[in-house]
Protein backbone atom coordinates (compact mmCIF):
# COMPACT_ATOMS: atom_id res chain seq x y z
CA MET A 1 133.91 95.70 35.64
CA ILE A 2 135.32 92.20 36.31
CA SER A 3 138.65 91.30 34.73
CA ARG A 4 139.01 87.70 35.95
CA ILE A 5 137.00 85.15 37.90
CA GLN A 6 137.84 81.59 38.94
CA ALA A 7 136.31 78.86 41.10
CA PHE A 8 138.04 76.22 43.21
CA PRO A 9 136.26 73.18 44.76
CA THR A 10 136.90 72.03 48.35
CA THR A 11 134.43 69.07 48.74
CA ASP A 12 132.65 71.36 51.23
CA GLY A 13 131.56 74.02 48.80
CA ILE A 14 133.20 75.95 45.99
CA PHE A 15 135.40 79.00 46.56
CA VAL A 16 134.95 81.76 43.98
CA VAL A 17 137.39 84.67 43.50
CA TRP A 18 137.03 87.63 41.14
CA ASP A 19 139.20 90.65 40.33
CA VAL A 20 137.82 94.19 40.25
CA PRO A 21 140.58 96.36 38.73
CA LYS A 22 138.73 99.70 38.82
CA MET A 23 136.31 101.47 41.14
CA ILE A 24 132.61 100.91 40.49
CA PRO A 25 130.76 103.96 41.87
CA ASP A 26 127.83 103.15 44.19
CA CYS A 27 128.70 99.44 44.18
CA LEU A 28 127.12 97.83 47.25
CA GLY A 29 128.53 94.39 46.48
CA PHE A 30 128.15 91.59 43.97
CA ALA A 31 125.44 89.11 43.06
CA LEU A 32 126.81 85.59 42.58
CA TYR A 33 125.33 83.32 39.90
CA ARG A 34 125.64 79.52 39.88
CA GLN A 35 124.99 77.44 36.75
CA PRO A 36 125.03 73.64 36.79
CA LYS A 37 126.12 72.20 33.45
CA GLY A 38 123.14 71.80 31.14
CA LYS A 39 120.84 73.87 33.34
CA SER A 40 119.91 77.52 33.71
CA ALA A 41 121.78 79.85 36.04
CA LYS A 42 120.39 80.85 39.42
CA VAL A 43 121.33 83.55 41.88
CA VAL A 44 123.13 82.31 45.00
CA ASP A 45 121.50 83.25 48.31
CA THR A 46 123.17 85.02 51.23
CA TRP A 47 122.17 85.18 54.89
CA VAL A 48 123.07 88.71 56.01
CA GLY A 49 121.27 91.85 54.84
CA PHE A 50 121.87 95.56 55.26
CA GLU A 51 122.46 97.07 58.67
CA ASP A 52 119.17 98.98 58.60
CA GLN A 53 117.38 95.62 58.18
CA ALA A 54 118.94 93.95 61.24
CA GLU A 55 115.81 94.38 63.32
CA GLY A 56 112.70 92.52 62.29
CA HIS A 57 114.21 89.90 59.98
CA LYS A 58 113.32 86.23 60.43
CA ASP A 59 115.84 83.90 62.06
CA GLY A 60 117.79 82.11 59.35
CA GLU A 61 116.30 84.25 56.61
CA HIS A 62 118.16 84.25 53.30
CA ARG A 63 117.68 86.20 50.10
CA PRO A 64 119.19 86.25 46.61
CA SER A 65 122.52 88.06 46.44
CA THR A 66 120.88 90.46 43.99
CA GLU A 67 119.10 91.78 47.10
CA TRP A 68 121.72 91.04 49.78
CA PRO A 69 124.98 91.28 47.82
CA VAL A 70 128.42 89.99 48.71
CA GLN A 71 130.59 92.87 49.95
CA LYS A 72 133.80 91.02 49.15
CA THR A 73 135.60 89.77 46.04
CA SER A 74 135.46 86.13 47.12
CA TRP A 75 132.77 83.78 48.37
CA THR A 76 132.43 80.14 49.37
CA ASP A 77 129.26 78.53 48.01
CA PHE A 78 128.52 75.88 50.63
CA LEU A 79 125.32 74.86 48.84
CA ALA A 80 126.99 73.92 45.57
CA PRO A 81 125.74 70.59 44.16
CA ILE A 82 128.08 67.65 44.54
CA ASP A 83 126.66 65.65 41.64
CA ALA A 84 127.22 68.04 38.70
CA PRO A 85 129.85 70.45 37.39
CA VAL A 86 128.99 74.11 37.96
CA ARG A 87 130.30 77.48 36.89
CA TYR A 88 130.00 80.95 38.44
CA GLY A 89 129.63 84.55 37.41
CA VAL A 90 129.15 87.82 39.28
CA VAL A 91 127.28 91.05 38.61
CA ALA A 92 127.81 94.32 40.48
CA VAL A 93 124.85 95.41 42.62
CA LEU A 94 124.40 99.19 42.64
CA LYS A 95 122.76 101.62 44.99
CA ASP A 96 119.30 102.69 43.80
CA GLY A 97 118.06 105.56 45.92
CA GLY A 98 118.13 105.45 49.71
CA THR A 99 117.18 101.84 50.46
CA LYS A 100 116.97 100.04 47.13
CA VAL A 101 119.50 98.12 45.06
CA LYS A 102 119.70 97.07 41.42
CA PRO A 103 122.00 94.69 39.52
CA ALA A 104 124.18 96.44 36.94
CA ALA A 105 123.31 93.77 34.35
CA ASN A 106 120.84 90.96 33.81
CA ALA A 107 123.54 88.30 33.63
CA PRO A 108 127.30 87.93 34.17
CA SER A 109 129.59 88.90 31.30
CA GLN A 110 132.27 86.40 32.41
CA TRP A 111 132.04 82.91 33.84
CA THR A 112 134.47 80.57 35.52
CA ASP A 113 135.28 77.23 33.98
CA TYR A 114 133.00 74.40 35.05
CA VAL A 115 134.30 72.75 38.22
CA SER A 116 133.16 69.70 40.16
CA ALA A 117 132.90 69.62 43.94
CA MET A 118 134.25 66.07 44.07
CA PRO A 119 137.96 65.52 43.35
CA SER A 120 139.31 63.28 40.60
CA GLY A 121 142.67 61.99 39.43
CA ALA A 122 145.48 60.23 41.27
CA LEU A 123 145.74 62.84 44.04
CA LYS A 124 142.39 63.46 45.67
CA PRO A 125 141.95 65.86 48.63
CA TRP A 126 139.08 65.27 51.05
CA PHE A 127 137.77 67.55 53.81
CA ASN A 128 135.32 67.21 56.65
CA ARG A 129 133.29 70.17 57.89
CA GLY A 130 134.42 69.99 61.46
CA THR A 131 133.97 73.53 62.71
CA ILE A 132 131.43 73.33 65.51
CA SER A 133 131.25 77.06 66.23
CA ALA A 134 129.12 77.75 63.20
CA GLN A 135 125.71 79.20 62.51
CA TRP A 136 124.27 76.09 60.87
CA LEU A 137 125.06 73.93 63.91
CA ALA A 138 123.64 76.48 66.32
CA ARG A 139 120.37 76.31 64.40
CA ALA A 140 120.47 72.52 63.99
CA ILE A 141 120.71 71.98 67.75
CA GLY A 142 118.37 74.89 68.46
CA GLY A 143 117.87 76.21 71.96
CA ASP A 144 119.31 73.13 73.67
CA PRO A 145 120.44 74.11 77.19
CA LYS A 146 123.37 71.67 77.02
CA PRO A 147 124.50 71.83 73.36
CA ALA A 148 127.94 70.30 73.97
CA GLN A 149 126.42 67.15 75.47
CA THR A 150 123.90 66.96 72.64
CA LEU A 151 126.68 67.29 70.08
CA ASP A 152 128.79 64.64 71.83
CA LYS A 153 125.88 62.20 71.65
CA ALA A 154 125.18 63.09 68.01
CA ILE A 155 128.72 62.39 66.78
CA ALA A 156 128.70 59.02 68.57
CA THR A 157 125.50 57.90 66.81
CA LYS A 158 125.68 56.24 63.41
CA GLY A 159 123.21 57.78 60.96
CA ASN A 160 122.74 60.97 62.99
CA LYS A 161 122.21 63.88 60.59
CA ILE A 162 124.54 66.18 62.49
CA ARG A 163 127.27 63.53 62.55
CA ASP A 164 126.90 62.82 58.83
CA PHE A 165 127.03 66.51 57.97
CA LEU A 166 130.10 67.14 60.14
CA LYS A 167 132.13 64.21 58.80
CA GLY A 168 131.41 65.48 55.29
CA GLN A 169 132.86 63.97 52.14
CA LEU A 170 136.06 63.00 53.98
CA GLY A 171 134.19 60.62 56.25
CA ALA A 172 132.02 59.33 53.43
CA ARG A 173 135.03 58.58 51.23
CA LEU A 174 137.07 56.89 53.94
CA LEU A 175 134.17 54.60 54.84
CA ALA A 176 133.59 53.88 51.14
CA LEU A 177 137.21 52.75 50.71
CA LEU A 178 136.89 50.41 53.67
CA ALA A 179 133.60 49.04 52.34
CA GLU A 180 135.17 48.41 48.92
CA ALA A 181 138.03 46.54 50.57
CA ARG A 182 135.60 44.36 52.49
CA ALA A 183 133.51 43.62 49.39
CA GLY A 184 136.59 42.64 47.40
CA LYS A 185 138.22 40.80 50.31
CA HIS A 186 141.27 43.03 49.93
CA ASP A 187 143.93 43.59 52.59
CA VAL A 188 144.23 46.98 54.30
CA TYR A 189 147.32 48.03 56.27
CA LEU A 190 146.83 50.79 58.83
CA ALA A 191 148.93 52.79 61.30
CA LEU A 192 146.79 54.79 63.72
CA TYR A 193 147.40 57.12 66.65
CA GLU A 194 144.10 56.56 68.48
CA LEU A 195 140.75 54.92 67.81
CA ASN A 196 137.21 55.42 69.08
CA ASP A 197 134.93 56.26 66.15
CA PRO A 198 132.01 53.80 66.02
CA GLU A 199 131.66 53.57 62.23
CA LEU A 200 135.38 53.20 61.58
CA ILE A 201 135.67 50.53 64.29
CA ALA A 202 132.73 48.65 62.76
CA ALA A 203 134.36 48.83 59.33
CA LEU A 204 137.62 47.39 60.67
CA LYS A 205 135.80 44.62 62.54
CA ALA A 206 134.01 43.70 59.31
CA LEU A 207 137.36 43.29 57.54
CA LYS A 208 138.48 40.78 60.20
CA GLY A 209 141.85 39.28 59.28
CA LYS A 210 142.09 41.41 56.15
CA ALA A 211 142.72 44.46 58.38
CA HIS A 212 146.29 44.78 59.65
CA VAL A 213 146.60 47.52 62.28
CA VAL A 214 149.50 49.15 64.09
CA LEU A 215 147.77 51.07 66.90
CA GLY A 216 149.53 53.60 69.11
CA ASN A 217 148.70 54.60 72.67
CA SER A 218 147.90 58.24 71.93
CA THR A 219 149.64 60.57 74.39
CA GLY A 220 150.50 57.75 76.78
CA LYS A 221 148.27 59.26 79.45
CA SER A 222 145.06 57.90 80.96
CA ASP A 223 142.65 60.35 79.32
CA ALA A 224 139.30 59.18 77.97
CA THR A 225 140.50 58.82 74.37
CA ALA A 226 143.50 56.75 75.45
CA ARG A 227 141.22 54.48 77.47
CA ASP A 228 138.88 54.15 74.50
CA THR A 229 141.82 53.24 72.27
CA GLU A 230 142.91 50.54 74.73
CA THR A 231 139.41 49.10 74.90
CA ASN A 232 138.91 49.16 71.14
CA ALA A 233 142.23 47.41 70.56
CA GLY A 234 140.70 44.46 72.39
CA VAL A 235 137.51 44.75 70.36
CA LEU A 236 139.47 44.52 67.11
CA LYS A 237 141.56 41.61 68.30
CA GLN A 238 138.47 39.70 69.33
CA ALA A 239 137.00 40.31 65.85
CA GLY A 240 140.02 38.65 64.26
CA VAL A 241 141.83 41.81 63.15
CA ASP A 242 145.62 41.49 62.89
CA ILE A 243 146.62 44.13 65.43
CA VAL A 244 149.93 45.16 66.95
CA ARG A 245 150.21 47.79 69.68
CA ARG A 246 152.89 50.42 69.35
CA LYS A 247 153.08 51.93 72.84
CA ILE A 248 155.91 54.42 72.57
CA ALA A 249 154.22 57.49 74.14
CA PRO A 250 154.78 59.82 75.93
CA SER A 251 158.44 60.10 74.93
CA ARG A 252 157.48 59.50 71.28
CA TYR A 253 154.14 59.35 69.49
CA ALA A 254 153.00 56.69 67.04
CA HIS A 255 151.26 59.56 65.27
CA ASN A 256 150.44 58.23 61.78
CA LYS A 257 146.89 58.21 60.43
CA LEU A 258 147.51 56.18 57.31
CA ALA A 259 146.00 53.29 55.41
CA VAL A 260 147.29 51.26 52.44
CA PHE A 261 144.61 49.57 50.35
CA CYS A 262 145.50 46.52 48.24
CA ASP A 263 143.85 44.99 45.18
CA GLY A 264 142.63 41.43 44.69
CA ALA A 265 146.20 40.23 44.15
CA GLN A 266 147.13 41.86 47.50
CA LYS A 267 149.26 44.44 45.70
CA PRO A 268 149.33 47.91 47.37
CA LYS A 269 147.37 50.35 45.19
CA VAL A 270 146.02 53.29 47.20
CA VAL A 271 147.30 55.32 50.16
CA TRP A 272 145.17 57.34 52.55
CA THR A 273 147.05 59.90 54.62
CA GLY A 274 146.40 63.31 56.16
CA SER A 275 145.52 64.70 59.57
CA THR A 276 142.37 62.77 60.51
CA ASN A 277 142.54 60.64 63.65
CA TRP A 278 140.11 57.73 63.64
CA THR A 279 138.08 59.22 66.47
CA ARG A 280 134.67 60.84 66.77
CA THR A 281 136.20 64.28 67.20
CA GLY A 282 138.80 63.71 64.49
CA LEU A 283 136.15 62.72 61.99
CA CYS A 284 133.43 65.14 63.02
CA THR A 285 134.33 68.18 65.12
CA GLN A 286 137.90 69.12 64.23
CA ASN A 287 138.92 70.66 60.90
CA ASN A 288 140.80 67.84 59.14
CA ASN A 289 141.90 66.73 55.71
CA GLY A 290 142.56 63.45 53.97
CA LEU A 291 144.70 62.81 50.90
CA GLU A 292 143.95 59.77 48.73
CA ILE A 293 146.89 58.76 46.52
CA SER A 294 146.29 56.23 43.75
CA ASP A 295 149.79 55.23 42.71
CA ASP A 296 151.36 51.78 42.86
CA ASN A 297 154.87 53.01 43.68
CA ILE A 298 153.80 55.33 46.48
CA ALA A 299 151.50 52.66 47.90
CA ALA A 300 154.40 50.19 47.88
CA ALA A 301 156.62 52.68 49.73
CA TYR A 302 154.00 53.24 52.42
CA HIS A 303 153.49 49.50 52.73
CA ALA A 304 157.24 48.96 53.14
CA HIS A 305 157.37 51.57 55.89
CA TRP A 306 154.30 50.04 57.56
CA LYS A 307 156.09 46.71 57.75
CA LEU A 308 159.00 48.37 59.57
CA ILE A 309 156.87 49.83 62.35
CA TYR A 310 154.77 46.65 62.53
CA ALA A 311 157.97 44.68 63.20
CA ASP A 312 159.29 47.24 65.72
CA GLY A 313 156.21 47.02 67.94
CA ASP A 314 156.86 48.98 71.14
CA THR A 315 160.43 49.92 70.18
CA SER A 316 161.88 52.74 68.12
CA PRO A 317 165.36 51.57 67.10
CA LYS A 318 167.92 53.85 65.51
CA ALA A 319 167.55 51.92 62.25
CA LEU A 320 164.03 53.29 61.92
CA ALA A 321 165.29 56.88 62.18
CA VAL A 322 168.14 56.18 59.76
CA ALA A 323 165.58 54.84 57.27
CA GLY A 324 163.65 58.08 57.75
CA ASP A 325 166.57 60.12 56.42
CA LYS A 326 165.67 58.96 52.92
CA GLU A 327 163.45 61.09 50.71
CA TRP A 328 161.16 58.97 48.55
CA PRO A 329 160.75 60.76 45.15
CA PHE A 330 157.92 59.89 42.75
CA THR A 331 156.27 61.21 39.62
CA VAL A 332 152.47 61.20 39.48
CA GLY A 333 151.19 62.53 36.17
CA LYS A 334 152.84 65.95 35.78
CA SER A 335 153.46 66.29 39.52
CA LYS A 336 156.58 65.56 41.53
CA VAL A 337 155.77 63.90 44.85
CA SER A 338 158.21 63.53 47.74
CA VAL A 339 157.38 61.33 50.73
CA TRP A 340 159.17 61.50 54.08
CA PHE A 341 158.71 59.00 56.91
CA THR A 342 159.80 59.87 60.43
CA PRO A 343 161.57 59.74 62.80
CA THR A 344 164.71 61.02 61.12
CA THR A 345 168.22 61.70 62.40
CA LYS A 346 168.94 64.72 60.18
CA SER A 347 165.53 66.46 59.81
CA GLY A 348 165.79 66.38 56.04
CA ASP A 349 162.01 66.73 55.89
CA LEU A 350 162.03 70.08 57.69
CA LYS A 351 165.06 71.35 55.79
CA GLU A 352 163.42 70.62 52.45
CA ALA A 353 160.12 72.19 53.51
CA THR A 354 161.90 75.28 54.87
CA ARG A 355 163.72 75.78 51.58
CA LEU A 356 160.45 75.62 49.67
CA ILE A 357 158.79 78.14 51.99
CA GLU A 358 161.73 80.51 51.61
CA ASP A 359 161.44 80.28 47.80
CA ALA A 360 157.71 81.13 47.64
CA GLU A 361 157.03 84.05 45.26
CA HIS A 362 153.32 84.81 45.61
CA GLY A 363 152.41 83.68 49.11
CA ALA A 364 151.75 80.93 51.60
CA VAL A 365 148.73 79.72 53.56
CA CYS A 366 148.61 77.14 56.34
CA LEU A 367 146.74 75.26 59.02
CA MET A 368 148.94 74.01 61.86
CA LEU A 369 148.62 72.20 65.19
CA ASN A 370 151.51 72.29 67.68
CA PRO A 371 154.33 73.12 65.24
CA GLY A 372 156.64 74.00 68.13
CA ASN A 373 159.48 76.50 68.19
CA LYS A 374 161.89 74.63 65.90
CA GLY A 375 159.50 73.59 63.14
CA LEU A 376 158.08 75.34 60.11
CA LEU A 377 156.20 78.10 61.91
CA GLY A 378 159.34 80.23 62.09
CA PRO A 379 160.03 80.24 58.33
CA PHE A 380 156.32 80.76 57.70
CA LEU A 381 156.09 83.82 59.95
CA GLU A 382 159.31 85.15 58.44
CA LYS A 383 157.57 85.02 55.07
CA ALA A 384 154.65 86.97 56.55
CA GLN A 385 156.90 89.99 57.02
CA ASP A 386 157.09 90.47 53.25
CA LYS A 387 154.26 92.87 52.37
CA ASN A 388 154.41 91.78 48.74
CA LEU A 389 153.24 88.27 49.63
CA TYR A 390 149.82 86.91 50.56
CA VAL A 391 150.24 85.03 53.85
CA ARG A 392 147.32 83.65 55.87
CA GLY A 393 146.94 80.87 58.41
CA VAL A 394 145.57 79.53 61.64
CA LEU A 395 147.68 77.91 64.32
CA ASN A 396 145.68 75.97 66.91
CA ASN A 397 147.99 75.20 69.83
CA PHE A 398 146.71 73.68 73.06
CA PRO A 399 149.59 72.16 75.01
CA ALA A 400 147.84 72.27 78.39
CA GLN A 401 144.70 70.42 77.19
CA GLY A 402 142.73 71.68 80.17
CA LYS A 403 141.35 74.88 81.57
CA ASP A 404 142.51 78.28 80.33
CA SER A 405 146.27 78.32 80.60
CA PRO A 406 148.97 80.87 79.71
CA LYS A 407 150.47 78.11 77.56
CA ASP A 408 147.36 77.81 75.44
CA GLN A 409 147.32 80.09 72.46
CA LEU A 410 145.76 80.68 69.08
CA GLN A 411 147.79 82.63 66.56
CA LEU A 412 146.13 84.29 63.59
CA LEU A 413 148.02 85.89 60.75
CA THR A 414 146.05 89.05 60.09
CA SER A 415 145.12 90.64 56.79
CA ASP A 416 148.25 92.80 56.79
CA GLY A 417 150.54 89.85 57.49
CA GLN A 418 151.08 90.54 61.19
CA GLN A 419 150.67 87.97 63.92
CA GLN A 420 147.89 88.35 66.47
CA VAL A 421 148.19 86.12 69.53
CA PHE A 422 145.39 85.19 71.92
CA LYS A 423 146.48 83.61 75.21
CA GLY A 424 144.90 82.19 78.34
CA LYS A 425 141.45 83.60 79.00
CA GLN A 426 141.55 85.55 75.74
CA ILE A 427 141.07 82.24 73.94
CA ALA A 428 137.53 82.14 75.31
CA ASP A 429 136.79 84.92 72.84
CA VAL A 430 138.28 83.10 69.87
CA ILE A 431 138.52 79.32 70.26
CA ARG A 432 136.47 78.64 73.36
CA PRO A 433 133.78 79.43 72.21
CA ALA A 434 135.56 80.36 68.96
CA GLY A 435 132.42 82.05 67.85
CA ILE A 436 129.48 84.18 68.81
CA ASP A 437 128.66 84.06 72.50
CA LYS A 438 125.13 85.39 72.32
CA THR A 439 122.39 85.86 69.77
CA ALA A 440 122.64 89.29 68.16
CA ASP A 441 121.46 90.91 64.93
CA TRP A 442 121.83 88.35 62.11
CA TRP A 443 123.74 85.79 64.14
CA GLN A 444 122.89 83.02 66.59
CA ARG A 445 124.88 82.11 69.69
CA GLU A 446 127.31 79.34 68.76
CA ILE A 447 128.51 76.22 70.54
CA LYS A 448 131.65 76.56 72.61
CA ASN A 449 134.88 74.80 71.72
CA SER A 450 135.43 73.58 75.26
CA GLY A 451 136.33 70.32 76.96
CA LYS A 452 136.63 67.49 74.45
CA PHE A 453 136.03 69.95 71.59
CA MET A 454 139.01 72.16 72.43
CA ILE A 455 141.03 71.37 69.33
CA ALA A 456 139.31 73.08 66.42
CA VAL A 457 142.05 73.12 63.77
CA HIS A 458 143.77 69.75 63.62
CA SER A 459 144.71 69.86 59.94
CA LYS A 460 148.36 70.08 58.93
CA VAL A 461 148.65 71.76 55.54
CA ILE A 462 150.94 74.32 53.91
CA VAL A 463 150.28 75.63 50.41
CA LEU A 464 152.74 77.78 48.45
CA ASP A 465 152.09 79.75 45.23
CA PRO A 466 149.00 77.77 44.12
CA ALA A 467 148.52 79.86 40.96
CA GLY A 468 152.24 80.36 40.36
CA LYS A 469 154.80 78.50 38.29
CA ASN A 470 155.70 76.16 41.16
CA PRO A 471 152.57 75.32 43.22
CA ILE A 472 153.30 73.23 46.31
CA VAL A 473 151.20 71.33 48.84
CA MET A 474 152.62 69.85 52.06
CA THR A 475 150.42 67.62 54.18
CA GLY A 476 150.23 64.32 56.06
CA SER A 477 150.16 63.48 59.77
CA HIS A 478 153.31 65.59 60.34
CA ASN A 479 152.79 68.58 62.69
CA PHE A 480 155.61 70.50 60.96
CA SER A 481 157.50 70.33 64.27
CA ASP A 482 160.95 69.23 65.42
CA ARG A 483 159.30 66.50 67.49
CA ALA A 484 157.43 65.18 64.46
CA SER A 485 160.69 65.05 62.53
CA THR A 486 163.02 63.51 65.12
CA LYS A 487 160.85 61.51 67.55
CA ASN A 488 157.41 60.60 66.22
CA ASP A 489 156.11 58.09 63.70
CA ASP A 490 154.78 60.46 61.05
CA ASN A 491 154.61 60.96 57.31
CA LEU A 492 154.91 64.09 55.18
CA VAL A 493 153.91 64.38 51.53
CA ILE A 494 155.23 67.27 49.41
CA ILE A 495 153.54 67.71 46.03
CA ARG A 496 155.02 70.02 43.41
CA GLY A 497 153.39 71.15 40.18
CA ASP A 498 149.70 70.42 40.78
CA SER A 499 147.97 73.80 40.65
CA THR A 500 144.46 72.34 40.90
CA LEU A 501 145.34 70.46 44.08
CA ALA A 502 147.13 73.48 45.54
CA LEU A 503 144.25 75.84 44.82
CA THR A 504 141.76 73.38 46.32
CA TYR A 505 143.76 73.12 49.54
CA ALA A 506 144.36 76.87 49.62
CA ALA A 507 140.65 77.59 49.20
CA ARG A 508 139.80 75.29 52.12
CA ILE A 509 142.48 76.86 54.32
CA VAL A 510 141.33 80.41 53.62
CA SER A 511 137.70 79.45 54.16
CA ILE A 512 138.61 78.27 57.68
CA TYR A 513 140.88 81.27 58.23
CA GLY A 514 138.09 83.62 57.18
CA GLN A 515 135.68 82.16 59.71
CA TYR A 516 138.12 82.40 62.63
CA ARG A 517 139.31 85.83 61.58
CA TRP A 518 135.73 87.13 61.36
CA GLN A 519 134.81 85.63 64.73
CA ALA A 520 137.87 87.22 66.30
CA TRP A 521 136.88 90.58 64.79
CA ARG A 522 133.30 90.22 66.04
CA ASN A 523 134.69 90.04 69.56
CA THR A 524 136.38 93.44 69.25
CA ALA A 525 134.65 96.72 70.11
CA GLU A 526 134.54 97.60 66.42
CA GLY A 527 133.22 94.19 65.43
CA ARG A 528 130.39 94.32 67.95
CA LYS A 529 129.11 97.44 66.19
CA ASP A 530 128.69 95.52 62.94
CA LYS A 531 125.02 95.26 62.03
CA GLY A 532 125.33 93.94 58.49
CA LEU A 533 125.94 95.24 54.97
CA LYS A 534 126.74 98.93 54.47
CA ARG A 535 124.78 101.12 52.07
CA ASN A 536 127.84 102.77 50.54
CA ASP A 537 130.78 101.78 48.37
CA ASP A 538 133.50 102.40 50.98
CA TRP A 539 134.16 98.64 51.22
CA LEU A 540 135.25 98.58 47.56
CA SER A 541 137.12 101.89 47.52
CA LYS A 542 139.37 100.52 50.28
CA ARG A 543 140.49 97.74 47.88
CA ILE A 544 141.01 99.53 44.60
CA GLY A 545 144.61 100.43 43.87
CA LYS A 546 145.88 98.92 47.11
CA GLY A 547 148.97 96.76 47.03
CA TRP A 548 147.54 94.18 49.43
CA ALA A 549 144.54 93.64 47.14
CA GLU A 550 146.81 93.12 44.13
CA THR A 551 148.89 90.66 46.17
CA GLU A 552 145.72 88.71 47.04
CA MET A 553 144.62 88.50 43.41
CA ARG A 554 148.08 87.38 42.29
CA PHE A 555 147.99 84.56 44.85
CA TRP A 556 144.62 83.28 43.59
CA LEU A 557 144.63 84.16 39.91
CA GLY A 558 148.32 84.30 39.03
CA THR A 559 149.92 86.96 36.88
CA THR A 560 148.47 88.22 33.62
């Protein structure tokens, strides 16, 4: 029944994909089994039952997937243990009379390899949870009449359970690196766009003169975050932190979110980059990623670039852009790593990335914020026109940063590769609230992405052919835009040849895409009719023998 099955960790659960090459009559879905190494297997629970069970169920009720099966060929296990390797198997669940189900076997016939939720090696990806329009958060806050205010207070409070859950393993790892630096009395060199997170500020203050910070002025406007950044610059200086302001906005942005960690001999050893601003929302409510690179040569390159912008202060001389025209090539294990620092004068970063997108053979997935008209969105959408490729992504674009505006838009690449655009007031159905607006059937009303929580997808990641012969990951602080290439302080990392890393990033991207895509569908007339699982096998018959399903499996599992 199942030809292949694989699992990919994301630090926020494990994404499992399986291939069903032939129709299974009366298949109502699949039961998912999880087995920690050295322990017995258990059935994974799900939270949505059959449509004829929508009335009368308990709020938050969950049952084994042998009873409420998965009517898909992929699943993210958000309850996977983080302290032990696990493997997964699936068993078809069959119709048994009018309202009963039965597993087709007592145990899976195939299992994935054992995988660990936590990354290892020289290139480690980290993710927060971020998405606030989610069922778990709706239940955690309960019937609070002002949930946004409650959430804002929670993410500003150290030790708050909601804050800790939202910042996820990304926040935990970043704070651990800072704590290790303090304990070892090691120097840390940072370039930041904005700053207001209480725990990160406390960690920098504790480092005192061992922390060397280049701090931008955000957008250059007088919004609350910019004011917080200004205030906290003074707090760091008073604590003895070596801090230089880089006030180049609004014409240019000092947009990096990077840190270089040294060893006891003050030699650069580890780089932290990615999309995460050192703010409460960046750490907790937006979808973000961090990339930890343990390589002496790459750390030295980042440190050298940091010294350039430290020396430039509030200026952005042409020499800085000329230096940005250089591609920094490295080898890390079996992977080829290219690093670009911006601004540039020739946009070599975008040209190289565009060429790689154009050469993709199996597909491409992305998360983008403000890529603009001259960046990588164009080549990406061009790729989406090829029906033989798997292309998915979410673009979160909020140029107005205020009330509903015709300029504000969310673009989703749909399951058939077409672009669906939501503008102005339509966004209220997708991003604000970006979720379920009222309690119905199996689902609770979710918190709105409004006001200071407007930006939901802040990550900047492109993944190409993760299971192919040339897997590629592109990430960093770079928005994949012309502005990021030619005006801003940014960094872009392109990693070739690391399938594990690419599949991990791809799994996280598609997990986020799936949530937004489902929420968008729930707000359609058809979606509002959805009452839960169907008691027929139509869901599977629509996959079998279809080209789009084969394309999806090739993207995740490669070719046989």
